Amino acid sequence: SGLSGHGALRRRHRRRPRAQVASDHCRAVAPGDDADPSHRPSLCMAGRGGHKVRRVSGRVMLPPIRVGVTTGLWIWRESLAERRVAIDRIAEAGIDRVFFADHVSFHDGSGKDGMVQATAIANLHDQLGIYAGVYLLALRHPVTVARQICDVAQMAPGRFTFGVGVGGEDRHEVEICGIDPSTRGRRTDAALDVVTRLMAGETVDHESE
């Protein structure tokens, strides 16, 4: 794909219709609410924040260490039966989660869509955690991403962690999606704000590039 000039890629959308995404697995849980908070997807931002440290009886209590592995792209070339065998072996080894990258067209055009992989793994095993590490949110529309997160969370209650990043060193991957690479940081921030608010059950009216 070829694109000329970054100036034409920057747009401001005014009076955008308000968006809302409804799902029992994504809405905010208030005190006394019957919905189980453990069924909601987790959100994390690559390179930001961290685990909270608790103190119990004067001792520092760290969260338990979780171990994840990636299967590699080879698994999607195998038959359905062989994929299930591979995922079952991971679970039997005591691994907590399977993680995978997300790329539209990285360097030589290779890549796999993170949400498609999450959906596939959710239906290959009913206990393994699923970790998108990390999803290139700036290249997608936040409303459709919020819907996808809620759908995956419904398929795999309490097992999906949605990691977000701005992408790697291949600026061309960003350009072919119609995005100026120099804007991907603030686009990610804006999109993450919209996604989290939609998942909390808000009706969102947002203006950005």
C-alpha atoms as a PDB file:
ATOM      1  CA  SER A   1       0.000   0.000   0.000  1.00  0.00           C
ATOM      2  CA  GLY A   2       1.223   3.496  -0.760  1.00  0.00           C
ATOM      3  CA  LEU A   3       0.259   6.746   0.903  1.00  0.00           C
ATOM      4  CA  SER A   4       1.498  10.211   0.073  1.00  0.00           C
ATOM      5  CA  GLY A   5       1.768  13.024   2.596  1.00  0.00           C
ATOM      6  CA  HIS A   6       0.832  12.875   6.236  1.00  0.00           C
ATOM      7  CA  GLY A   7      -1.181  16.070   6.203  1.00  0.00           C
ATOM      8  CA  ALA A   8      -4.129  14.423   4.482  1.00  0.00           C
ATOM      9  CA  LEU A   9      -4.255  11.720   7.143  1.00  0.00           C
ATOM     10  CA  ARG A  10      -5.135  14.029  10.026  1.00  0.00           C
ATOM     11  CA  ARG A  11      -8.822  14.707  10.514  1.00  0.00           C
ATOM     12  CA  ARG A  12     -10.948  16.230  13.193  1.00  0.00           C
ATOM     13  CA  HIS A  13     -14.420  14.807  13.645  1.00  0.00           C
ATOM     14  CA  ARG A  14     -16.959  17.215  15.061  1.00  0.00           C
ATOM     15  CA  ARG A  15     -20.417  16.388  16.332  1.00  0.00           C
ATOM     16  CA  ARG A  16     -19.629  12.713  16.324  1.00  0.00           C
ATOM     17  CA  PRO A  17     -22.644  10.589  17.328  1.00  0.00           C
ATOM     18  CA  ARG A  18     -22.576   9.439  20.899  1.00  0.00           C
ATOM     19  CA  ALA A  19     -21.524   5.848  21.319  1.00  0.00           C
ATOM     20  CA  GLN A  20     -22.560   3.224  23.824  1.00  0.00           C
ATOM     21  CA  VAL A  21     -21.556  -0.424  24.189  1.00  0.00           C
ATOM     22  CA  ALA A  22     -23.629  -2.650  26.464  1.00  0.00           C
ATOM     23  CA  SER A  23     -22.546  -5.963  27.944  1.00  0.00           C
ATOM     24  CA  ASP A  24     -22.952  -7.557  31.366  1.00  0.00           C
ATOM     25  CA  HIS A  25     -19.306  -8.610  31.160  1.00  0.00           C
ATOM     26  CA  CYS A  26     -17.972  -5.080  30.641  1.00  0.00           C
ATOM     27  CA  ARG A  27     -20.154  -2.690  32.607  1.00  0.00           C
ATOM     28  CA  ALA A  28     -18.963  -1.095  35.798  1.00  0.00           C
ATOM     29  CA  VAL A  29     -19.892  -2.949  38.971  1.00  0.00           C
ATOM     30  CA  ALA A  30     -21.240  -0.784  41.787  1.00  0.00           C
ATOM     31  CA  PRO A  31     -21.357  -1.821  45.449  1.00  0.00           C
ATOM     32  CA  GLY A  32     -24.158  -4.311  45.901  1.00  0.00           C
ATOM     33  CA  ASP A  33     -24.302  -5.085  42.190  1.00  0.00           C
ATOM     34  CA  ASP A  34     -24.944  -8.742  41.367  1.00  0.00           C
ATOM     35  CA  ALA A  35     -22.486  -8.772  38.458  1.00  0.00           C
ATOM     36  CA  ASP A  36     -19.225 -10.582  39.214  1.00  0.00           C
ATOM     37  CA  PRO A  37     -16.247  -8.185  38.819  1.00  0.00           C
ATOM     38  CA  SER A  38     -13.961 -11.139  38.066  1.00  0.00           C
ATOM     39  CA  HIS A  39     -15.833 -11.681  34.825  1.00  0.00           C
ATOM     40  CA  ARG A  40     -14.790  -8.336  33.414  1.00  0.00           C
ATOM     41  CA  PRO A  41     -11.739  -8.026  31.146  1.00  0.00           C
ATOM     42  CA  SER A  42      -8.562  -6.523  32.544  1.00  0.00           C
ATOM     43  CA  LEU A  43      -6.969  -3.500  30.900  1.00  0.00           C
ATOM     44  CA  CYS A  44      -3.301  -2.603  30.930  1.00  0.00           C
ATOM     45  CA  MET A  45      -1.107  -0.049  29.186  1.00  0.00           C
ATOM     46  CA  ALA A  46       2.341  -1.207  28.128  1.00  0.00           C
ATOM     47  CA  GLY A  47       5.048   0.615  30.027  1.00  0.00           C
ATOM     48  CA  ARG A  48       2.682   2.329  32.458  1.00  0.00           C
ATOM     49  CA  GLY A  49       1.547   1.640  35.974  1.00  0.00           C
ATOM     50  CA  GLY A  50       2.230  -1.594  37.816  1.00  0.00           C
ATOM     51  CA  HIS A  51       0.930  -3.962  40.422  1.00  0.00           C
ATOM     52  CA  LYS A  52      -0.255  -2.512  43.691  1.00  0.00           C
ATOM     53  CA  VAL A  53       1.751  -3.494  46.744  1.00  0.00           C
ATOM     54  CA  ARG A  54      -0.189  -4.358  49.920  1.00  0.00           C
ATOM     55  CA  ARG A  55       1.000  -4.567  53.491  1.00  0.00           C
ATOM     56  CA  VAL A  56      -0.429  -7.239  55.804  1.00  0.00           C
ATOM     57  CA  SER A  57       0.732  -7.305  59.434  1.00  0.00           C
ATOM     58  CA  GLY A  58       3.701  -5.129  58.475  1.00  0.00           C
ATOM     59  CA  ARG A  59       4.810  -7.454  55.691  1.00  0.00           C
ATOM     60  CA  VAL A  60       4.891  -6.444  52.036  1.00  0.00           C
ATOM     61  CA  MET A  61       2.533  -8.652  50.027  1.00  0.00           C
ATOM     62  CA  LEU A  62       3.195  -8.811  46.309  1.00  0.00           C
ATOM     63  CA  PRO A  63       0.660 -10.204  43.842  1.00  0.00           C
ATOM     64  CA  PRO A  64       1.253 -13.798  42.751  1.00  0.00           C
ATOM     65  CA  ILE A  65       3.532 -14.289  39.755  1.00  0.00           C
ATOM     66  CA  ARG A  66       1.722 -15.434  36.651  1.00  0.00           C
ATOM     67  CA  VAL A  67       3.479 -17.209  33.811  1.00  0.00           C
ATOM     68  CA  GLY A  68       2.489 -16.920  30.183  1.00  0.00           C
ATOM     69  CA  VAL A  69       3.793 -18.304  26.909  1.00  0.00           C
ATOM     70  CA  THR A  70       3.238 -17.519  23.279  1.00  0.00           C
ATOM     71  CA  THR A  71       2.505 -20.312  20.864  1.00  0.00           C
ATOM     72  CA  GLY A  72       4.071 -18.648  17.872  1.00  0.00           C
ATOM     73  CA  LEU A  73       2.345 -18.196  14.554  1.00  0.00           C
ATOM     74  CA  TRP A  74       2.864 -21.838  13.611  1.00  0.00           C
ATOM     75  CA  ILE A  75      -0.159 -22.939  15.628  1.00  0.00           C
ATOM     76  CA  TRP A  76      -2.593 -21.310  13.196  1.00  0.00           C
ATOM     77  CA  ARG A  77      -1.204 -23.394  10.341  1.00  0.00           C
ATOM     78  CA  GLU A  78      -2.088 -26.621  12.139  1.00  0.00           C
ATOM     79  CA  SER A  79      -5.378 -28.478  12.147  1.00  0.00           C
ATOM     80  CA  LEU A  80      -8.006 -27.679  14.780  1.00  0.00           C
ATOM     81  CA  ALA A  81      -7.279 -30.954  16.576  1.00  0.00           C
ATOM     82  CA  GLU A  82      -3.536 -30.202  16.716  1.00  0.00           C
ATOM     83  CA  ARG A  83      -4.203 -26.681  18.015  1.00  0.00           C
ATOM     84  CA  ARG A  84      -6.257 -28.130  20.857  1.00  0.00           C
ATOM     85  CA  VAL A  85      -3.494 -30.598  21.720  1.00  0.00           C
ATOM     86  CA  ALA A  86      -0.939 -27.784  21.879  1.00  0.00           C
ATOM     87  CA  ILE A  87      -3.151 -25.572  24.071  1.00  0.00           C
ATOM     88  CA  ASP A  88      -3.999 -28.510  26.352  1.00  0.00           C
ATOM     89  CA  ARG A  89      -0.289 -29.205  26.853  1.00  0.00           C
ATOM     90  CA  ILE A  90       0.278 -25.588  27.862  1.00  0.00           C
ATOM     91  CA  ALA A  91      -2.516 -25.802  30.445  1.00  0.00           C
ATOM     92  CA  GLU A  92      -1.299 -29.166  31.762  1.00  0.00           C
ATOM     93  CA  ALA A  93       2.183 -27.691  32.275  1.00  0.00           C
ATOM     94  CA  GLY A  94       0.722 -25.225  34.766  1.00  0.00           C
ATOM     95  CA  ILE A  95       1.053 -22.172  32.513  1.00  0.00           C
ATOM     96  CA  ASP A  96      -1.407 -19.428  33.475  1.00  0.00           C
ATOM     97  CA  ARG A  97      -2.008 -17.736  30.152  1.00  0.00           C
ATOM     98  CA  VAL A  98      -1.289 -17.599  26.453  1.00  0.00           C
ATOM     99  CA  PHE A  99      -0.188 -14.263  25.065  1.00  0.00           C
ATOM    100  CA  PHE A 100       0.140 -13.024  21.514  1.00  0.00           C
ATOM    101  CA  ALA A 101       1.146  -9.941  19.594  1.00  0.00           C
ATOM    102  CA  ASP A 102      -0.969  -7.853  17.254  1.00  0.00           C
ATOM    103  CA  HIS A 103       0.199  -6.598  13.865  1.00  0.00           C
ATOM    104  CA  VAL A 104      -1.583  -5.435  10.753  1.00  0.00           C
ATOM    105  CA  SER A 105       1.443  -5.541   8.437  1.00  0.00           C
ATOM    106  CA  PHE A 106       4.808  -5.706  10.166  1.00  0.00           C
ATOM    107  CA  HIS A 107       7.965  -5.190   8.079  1.00  0.00           C
ATOM    108  CA  ASP A 108       7.467  -7.876   5.405  1.00  0.00           C
ATOM    109  CA  GLY A 109       3.664  -7.762   5.634  1.00  0.00           C
ATOM    110  CA  SER A 110       3.351 -10.498   8.249  1.00  0.00           C
ATOM    111  CA  GLY A 111       1.048 -10.272  11.222  1.00  0.00           C
ATOM    112  CA  LYS A 112      -1.983 -11.616  12.998  1.00  0.00           C
ATOM    113  CA  ASP A 113      -4.979  -9.722  14.351  1.00  0.00           C
ATOM    114  CA  GLY A 114      -4.964  -9.745  18.146  1.00  0.00           C
ATOM    115  CA  MET A 115      -8.733  -9.920  18.604  1.00  0.00           C
ATOM    116  CA  VAL A 116      -9.084 -12.809  16.164  1.00  0.00           C
ATOM    117  CA  GLN A 117      -6.374 -14.734  18.053  1.00  0.00           C
ATOM    118  CA  ALA A 118      -8.044 -13.969  21.388  1.00  0.00           C
ATOM    119  CA  THR A 119     -11.342 -15.305  20.090  1.00  0.00           C
ATOM    120  CA  ALA A 120      -9.726 -18.467  18.761  1.00  0.00           C
ATOM    121  CA  ILE A 121      -7.873 -19.232  21.998  1.00  0.00           C
ATOM    122  CA  ALA A 122     -10.989 -18.520  24.061  1.00  0.00           C
ATOM    123  CA  ASN A 123     -12.694 -21.341  22.199  1.00  0.00           C
ATOM    124  CA  LEU A 124      -9.764 -23.772  22.363  1.00  0.00           C
ATOM    125  CA  HIS A 125      -9.649 -23.952  26.169  1.00  0.00           C
ATOM    126  CA  ASP A 126     -12.052 -23.032  28.963  1.00  0.00           C
ATOM    127  CA  GLN A 127      -9.532 -22.109  31.682  1.00  0.00           C
ATOM    128  CA  LEU A 128      -6.347 -20.636  30.220  1.00  0.00           C
ATOM    129  CA  GLY A 129      -5.883 -16.886  30.526  1.00  0.00           C
ATOM    130  CA  ILE A 130      -5.765 -14.880  27.307  1.00  0.00           C
ATOM    131  CA  TYR A 131      -3.370 -11.932  27.069  1.00  0.00           C
ATOM    132  CA  ALA A 132      -3.269  -9.484  24.168  1.00  0.00           C
ATOM    133  CA  GLY A 133       0.289  -8.245  24.405  1.00  0.00           C
ATOM    134  CA  VAL A 134       0.021  -5.745  22.960  1.00  0.00           C
ATOM    135  CA  TYR A 135      -2.855  -4.480  20.811  1.00  0.00           C
ATOM    136  CA  LEU A 136      -2.224  -1.530  18.462  1.00  0.00           C
ATOM    137  CA  LEU A 137      -5.248   0.467  19.533  1.00  0.00           C
ATOM    138  CA  ALA A 138      -4.320   3.623  17.601  1.00  0.00           C
ATOM    139  CA  LEU A 139      -4.910   1.769  14.324  1.00  0.00           C
ATOM    140  CA  ARG A 140      -8.526   0.905  15.162  1.00  0.00           C
ATOM    141  CA  HIS A 141     -11.767   2.678  15.937  1.00  0.00           C
ATOM    142  CA  PRO A 142     -12.350   2.601  19.721  1.00  0.00           C
ATOM    143  CA  VAL A 143     -16.086   1.865  19.480  1.00  0.00           C
ATOM    144  CA  THR A 144     -15.579  -1.341  17.497  1.00  0.00           C
ATOM    145  CA  VAL A 145     -12.688  -2.339  19.783  1.00  0.00           C
ATOM    146  CA  ALA A 146     -14.884  -1.877  22.872  1.00  0.00           C
ATOM    147  CA  ARG A 147     -17.483  -4.157  21.305  1.00  0.00           C
ATOM    148  CA  GLN A 148     -14.842  -6.783  20.517  1.00  0.00           C
ATOM    149  CA  ILE A 149     -13.433  -6.682  24.059  1.00  0.00           C
ATOM    150  CA  CYS A 150     -16.887  -7.209  25.520  1.00  0.00           C
ATOM    151  CA  ASP A 151     -17.572 -10.106  23.162  1.00  0.00           C
ATOM    152  CA  VAL A 152     -14.284 -11.855  24.011  1.00  0.00           C
ATOM    153  CA  ALA A 153     -14.952 -11.253  27.717  1.00  0.00           C
ATOM    154  CA  GLN A 154     -18.322 -12.940  27.318  1.00  0.00           C
ATOM    155  CA  MET A 155     -16.713 -15.960  25.652  1.00  0.00           C
ATOM    156  CA  ALA A 156     -13.989 -16.173  28.307  1.00  0.00           C
ATOM    157  CA  PRO A 157     -15.287 -14.612  31.559  1.00  0.00           C
ATOM    158  CA  GLY A 158     -12.478 -13.353  33.764  1.00  0.00           C
ATOM    159  CA  ARG A 159      -9.735 -14.692  31.476  1.00  0.00           C
ATOM    160  CA  PHE A 160      -9.035 -11.863  29.032  1.00  0.00           C
ATOM    161  CA  THR A 161      -6.361  -9.219  29.643  1.00  0.00           C
ATOM    162  CA  PHE A 162      -6.271  -6.472  27.035  1.00  0.00           C
ATOM    163  CA  GLY A 163      -2.790  -4.973  26.739  1.00  0.00           C
ATOM    164  CA  VAL A 164      -2.354  -1.767  24.744  1.00  0.00           C
ATOM    165  CA  GLY A 165       0.746  -0.377  23.033  1.00  0.00           C
ATOM    166  CA  VAL A 166       1.652   2.216  20.413  1.00  0.00           C
ATOM    167  CA  GLY A 167       3.521  -0.142  18.095  1.00  0.00           C
ATOM    168  CA  GLY A 168       7.088  -0.930  17.168  1.00  0.00           C
ATOM    169  CA  GLU A 169       9.730   0.563  14.932  1.00  0.00           C
ATOM    170  CA  ASP A 170       7.919  -0.126  11.644  1.00  0.00           C
ATOM    171  CA  ARG A 171       6.310   3.246  10.932  1.00  0.00           C
ATOM    172  CA  HIS A 172       5.010   1.953   7.593  1.00  0.00           C
ATOM    173  CA  GLU A 173       2.593  -0.336   9.429  1.00  0.00           C
ATOM    174  CA  VAL A 174       0.988   2.770  10.916  1.00  0.00           C
ATOM    175  CA  GLU A 175       1.007   4.733   7.655  1.00  0.00           C
ATOM    176  CA  ILE A 176      -0.813   2.087   5.623  1.00  0.00           C
ATOM    177  CA  CYS A 177      -3.672   2.255   8.142  1.00  0.00           C
ATOM    178  CA  GLY A 178      -4.090   5.944   7.315  1.00  0.00           C
ATOM    179  CA  ILE A 179      -2.449   7.169  10.514  1.00  0.00           C
ATOM    180  CA  ASP A 180       0.385   9.670  10.845  1.00  0.00           C
ATOM    181  CA  PRO A 181       2.974   7.783  12.968  1.00  0.00           C
ATOM    182  CA  SER A 182       3.774  10.951  14.911  1.00  0.00           C
ATOM    183  CA  THR A 183       0.195  11.018  16.271  1.00  0.00           C
ATOM    184  CA  ARG A 184      -0.057   7.400  17.439  1.00  0.00           C
ATOM    185  CA  GLY A 185       0.789   8.181  21.064  1.00  0.00           C
ATOM    186  CA  ARG A 186      -1.982  10.693  21.620  1.00  0.00           C
ATOM    187  CA  ARG A 187      -4.366   8.650  19.462  1.00  0.00           C
ATOM    188  CA  THR A 188      -3.740   5.690  21.750  1.00  0.00           C
ATOM    189  CA  ASP A 189      -4.424   7.812  24.828  1.00  0.00           C
ATOM    190  CA  ALA A 190      -7.666   9.158  23.345  1.00  0.00           C
ATOM    191  CA  ALA A 191      -8.856   5.747  22.141  1.00  0.00           C
ATOM    192  CA  LEU A 192      -8.035   4.108  25.485  1.00  0.00           C
ATOM    193  CA  ASP A 193     -10.111   6.745  27.266  1.00  0.00           C
ATOM    194  CA  VAL A 194     -13.076   6.062  24.980  1.00  0.00           C
ATOM    195  CA  VAL A 195     -12.775   2.275  25.305  1.00  0.00           C
ATOM    196  CA  THR A 196     -12.594   2.300  29.108  1.00  0.00           C
ATOM    197  CA  ARG A 197     -15.559   4.668  29.390  1.00  0.00           C
ATOM    198  CA  LEU A 198     -17.666   2.548  27.032  1.00  0.00           C
ATOM    199  CA  MET A 199     -16.781  -0.577  28.988  1.00  0.00           C
ATOM    200  CA  ALA A 200     -17.888   1.201  32.145  1.00  0.00           C
ATOM    201  CA  GLY A 201     -21.333   1.623  30.611  1.00  0.00           C
ATOM    202  CA  GLU A 202     -21.066   5.318  29.803  1.00  0.00           C
ATOM    203  CA  THR A 203     -22.553   7.030  26.770  1.00  0.00           C
ATOM    204  CA  VAL A 204     -19.556   8.719  25.176  1.00  0.00           C
ATOM    205  CA  ASP A 205     -19.411  11.948  23.191  1.00  0.00           C
ATOM    206  CA  HIS A 206     -15.799  12.364  22.131  1.00  0.00           C
ATOM    207  CA  GLU A 207     -13.875  14.649  19.807  1.00  0.00           C
ATOM    208  CA  SER A 208     -10.334  13.960  18.637  1.00  0.00           C
ATOM    209  CA  GLU A 209      -8.216  13.489  15.539  1.00  0.00           C
END
